[in-house]
Amino acid sequence: SLGQPADFFYAKQLLETTGICIVPGSGFGQKEGTYHFRTTILPQPAMMKDMLDRFKIFHNKFMAEYK
């Protein structure tokens, strides 16, 4: 309803909320009606768990709000 593809909105919210950068799948010709993203995960090994925890928390909140 914001005039943005769902995957773009998700990626933008993730970046603004957590600092984690992903690329919306719509830029890669995804199948209509599906949503995905691409990412390269490159944090230092000691930071990996924290990054994945932030991603999980964001995703769960996002899905609860926009389902």
N, C-alpha and C. Protein backbone atom coordinates (compact mmCIF):
# COMPACT_ATOMS: atom_id res chain seq x y z
N SER A 1 0.82 -1.20 0.00
CA SER A 1 0.00 0.00 0.00
C SER A 1 0.86 1.26 0.00
N LEU A 2 2.16 1.11 0.14
CA LEU A 2 3.06 2.27 0.15
C LEU A 2 3.65 2.54 -1.22
N GLY A 3 3.20 1.79 -2.23
CA GLY A 3 3.71 1.98 -3.58
C GLY A 3 5.10 1.40 -3.79
N GLN A 4 5.51 0.49 -2.91
CA GLN A 4 6.82 -0.15 -3.02
C GLN A 4 6.62 -1.66 -3.10
N PRO A 5 7.46 -2.35 -3.87
CA PRO A 5 7.40 -3.81 -3.83
C PRO A 5 7.67 -4.30 -2.40
N ALA A 6 7.01 -5.37 -2.00
CA ALA A 6 7.13 -5.87 -0.63
C ALA A 6 8.57 -6.18 -0.25
N ASP A 7 9.33 -6.78 -1.18
CA ASP A 7 10.71 -7.13 -0.85
C ASP A 7 11.60 -5.90 -0.70
N PHE A 8 11.31 -4.85 -1.47
CA PHE A 8 12.05 -3.59 -1.33
C PHE A 8 11.75 -2.96 0.03
N PHE A 9 10.47 -2.95 0.41
CA PHE A 9 10.07 -2.39 1.70
C PHE A 9 10.75 -3.14 2.85
N TYR A 10 10.75 -4.47 2.76
CA TYR A 10 11.40 -5.30 3.79
C TYR A 10 12.88 -4.95 3.89
N ALA A 11 13.56 -4.89 2.75
CA ALA A 11 15.00 -4.60 2.74
C ALA A 11 15.29 -3.22 3.32
N LYS A 12 14.47 -2.25 2.96
CA LYS A 12 14.67 -0.89 3.46
C LYS A 12 14.45 -0.83 4.97
N GLN A 13 13.40 -1.47 5.45
CA GLN A 13 13.13 -1.48 6.89
C GLN A 13 14.24 -2.20 7.65
N LEU A 14 14.72 -3.31 7.10
CA LEU A 14 15.81 -4.05 7.75
C LEU A 14 17.05 -3.17 7.87
N LEU A 15 17.41 -2.49 6.81
CA LEU A 15 18.59 -1.62 6.83
C LEU A 15 18.42 -0.49 7.83
N GLU A 16 17.26 0.17 7.80
CA GLU A 16 17.04 1.31 8.70
C GLU A 16 16.97 0.89 10.16
N THR A 17 16.45 -0.30 10.42
CA THR A 17 16.26 -0.77 11.79
C THR A 17 17.51 -1.41 12.38
N THR A 18 18.24 -2.17 11.57
CA THR A 18 19.34 -2.98 12.10
C THR A 18 20.71 -2.66 11.52
N GLY A 19 20.74 -1.98 10.38
CA GLY A 19 22.01 -1.74 9.70
C GLY A 19 22.43 -2.91 8.82
N ILE A 20 21.58 -3.94 8.72
CA ILE A 20 21.87 -5.11 7.89
C ILE A 20 21.38 -4.84 6.47
N CYS A 21 22.26 -5.02 5.51
CA CYS A 21 21.94 -4.71 4.11
C CYS A 21 21.68 -5.98 3.32
N ILE A 22 20.52 -6.01 2.65
CA ILE A 22 20.17 -7.10 1.74
C ILE A 22 19.71 -6.47 0.42
N VAL A 23 19.63 -7.27 -0.62
CA VAL A 23 19.18 -6.79 -1.93
C VAL A 23 17.83 -7.43 -2.24
N PRO A 24 16.80 -6.61 -2.54
CA PRO A 24 15.49 -7.17 -2.86
C PRO A 24 15.56 -8.11 -4.06
N GLY A 25 14.85 -9.21 -3.98
CA GLY A 25 14.84 -10.19 -5.06
C GLY A 25 14.17 -9.70 -6.32
N SER A 26 13.30 -8.69 -6.20
CA SER A 26 12.60 -8.19 -7.39
C SER A 26 13.56 -7.66 -8.44
N GLY A 27 14.74 -7.28 -8.04
CA GLY A 27 15.75 -6.82 -8.98
C GLY A 27 16.38 -7.94 -9.79
N PHE A 28 16.05 -9.18 -9.44
CA PHE A 28 16.64 -10.34 -10.11
C PHE A 28 15.60 -11.15 -10.87
N GLY A 29 14.43 -10.57 -11.10
CA GLY A 29 13.41 -11.26 -11.88
C GLY A 29 12.74 -12.40 -11.15
N GLN A 30 12.41 -12.19 -9.88
CA GLN A 30 11.76 -13.26 -9.13
C GLN A 30 10.38 -13.59 -9.70
N LYS A 31 9.93 -14.78 -9.43
CA LYS A 31 8.63 -15.25 -9.89
C LYS A 31 7.53 -14.39 -9.25
N GLU A 32 6.57 -13.94 -10.04
CA GLU A 32 5.50 -13.09 -9.54
C GLU A 32 4.77 -13.79 -8.39
N GLY A 33 4.47 -13.00 -7.36
CA GLY A 33 3.77 -13.54 -6.20
C GLY A 33 4.69 -14.15 -5.16
N THR A 34 6.00 -14.11 -5.40
CA THR A 34 6.97 -14.61 -4.43
C THR A 34 7.89 -13.47 -4.03
N TYR A 35 8.51 -13.62 -2.89
CA TYR A 35 9.40 -12.57 -2.38
C TYR A 35 10.64 -13.23 -1.80
N HIS A 36 11.78 -12.67 -2.13
CA HIS A 36 13.03 -13.15 -1.57
C HIS A 36 14.05 -12.02 -1.61
N PHE A 37 15.22 -12.29 -1.09
CA PHE A 37 16.30 -11.32 -1.11
C PHE A 37 17.61 -12.06 -1.29
N ARG A 38 18.63 -11.29 -1.60
CA ARG A 38 19.99 -11.82 -1.68
C ARG A 38 20.86 -11.03 -0.71
N THR A 39 21.84 -11.70 -0.17
CA THR A 39 22.75 -11.03 0.75
C THR A 39 24.09 -11.75 0.76
N THR A 40 25.09 -11.05 1.18
CA THR A 40 26.39 -11.63 1.48
C THR A 40 26.64 -11.35 2.94
N ILE A 41 26.85 -12.37 3.71
CA ILE A 41 27.03 -12.20 5.16
C ILE A 41 28.53 -12.25 5.44
N LEU A 42 29.09 -11.10 5.83
CA LEU A 42 30.53 -11.01 6.01
C LEU A 42 30.99 -10.44 7.36
N PRO A 43 30.19 -10.57 8.43
CA PRO A 43 30.71 -10.02 9.68
C PRO A 43 31.86 -10.88 10.20
N GLN A 44 32.63 -10.27 11.07
CA GLN A 44 33.70 -11.03 11.72
C GLN A 44 33.04 -12.18 12.48
N PRO A 45 33.71 -13.32 12.58
CA PRO A 45 33.10 -14.47 13.25
C PRO A 45 32.51 -14.15 14.63
N ALA A 46 33.17 -13.30 15.38
CA ALA A 46 32.68 -12.95 16.72
C ALA A 46 31.38 -12.15 16.67
N MET A 47 31.08 -11.54 15.53
CA MET A 47 29.87 -10.71 15.39
C MET A 47 28.72 -11.46 14.72
N MET A 48 28.96 -12.66 14.23
CA MET A 48 27.95 -13.40 13.47
C MET A 48 26.68 -13.66 14.28
N LYS A 49 26.81 -14.16 15.50
CA LYS A 49 25.63 -14.48 16.31
C LYS A 49 24.80 -13.23 16.56
N ASP A 50 25.45 -12.13 16.91
CA ASP A 50 24.71 -10.88 17.16
C ASP A 50 23.96 -10.43 15.91
N MET A 51 24.60 -10.50 14.75
CA MET A 51 23.96 -10.08 13.51
C MET A 51 22.75 -10.97 13.21
N LEU A 52 22.92 -12.27 13.36
CA LEU A 52 21.81 -13.19 13.08
C LEU A 52 20.67 -13.01 14.09
N ASP A 53 21.01 -12.71 15.34
CA ASP A 53 19.97 -12.44 16.35
C ASP A 53 19.18 -11.18 15.98
N ARG A 54 19.88 -10.12 15.56
CA ARG A 54 19.19 -8.88 15.16
C ARG A 54 18.30 -9.13 13.95
N PHE A 55 18.78 -9.94 13.02
CA PHE A 55 18.00 -10.26 11.82
C PHE A 55 16.73 -11.03 12.23
N LYS A 56 16.88 -12.01 13.09
CA LYS A 56 15.74 -12.81 13.53
C LYS A 56 14.70 -11.96 14.27
N ILE A 57 15.15 -11.11 15.18
CA ILE A 57 14.24 -10.24 15.93
C ILE A 57 13.49 -9.32 14.97
N PHE A 58 14.22 -8.71 14.04
CA PHE A 58 13.57 -7.84 13.06
C PHE A 58 12.53 -8.61 12.26
N HIS A 59 12.92 -9.77 11.73
CA HIS A 59 12.02 -10.55 10.88
C HIS A 59 10.74 -10.92 11.63
N ASN A 60 10.87 -11.40 12.85
CA ASN A 60 9.69 -11.78 13.62
C ASN A 60 8.76 -10.60 13.87
N LYS A 61 9.32 -9.43 14.21
CA LYS A 61 8.50 -8.23 14.42
C LYS A 61 7.84 -7.79 13.12
N PHE A 62 8.60 -7.81 12.04
CA PHE A 62 8.07 -7.40 10.73
C PHE A 62 6.90 -8.29 10.33
N MET A 63 7.07 -9.59 10.45
CA MET A 63 6.01 -10.51 10.06
C MET A 63 4.78 -10.35 10.94
N ALA A 64 4.96 -10.11 12.22
CA ALA A 64 3.82 -9.90 13.12
C ALA A 64 3.06 -8.63 12.75
N GLU A 65 3.79 -7.60 12.33
CA GLU A 65 3.15 -6.33 12.00
C GLU A 65 2.47 -6.34 10.63
N TYR A 66 3.06 -7.01 9.65
CA TYR A 66 2.57 -6.89 8.27
C TYR A 66 1.93 -8.16 7.70
N LYS A 67 1.67 -9.16 8.53
CA LYS A 67 1.08 -10.40 7.98
C LYS A 67 -0.36 -10.22 7.54
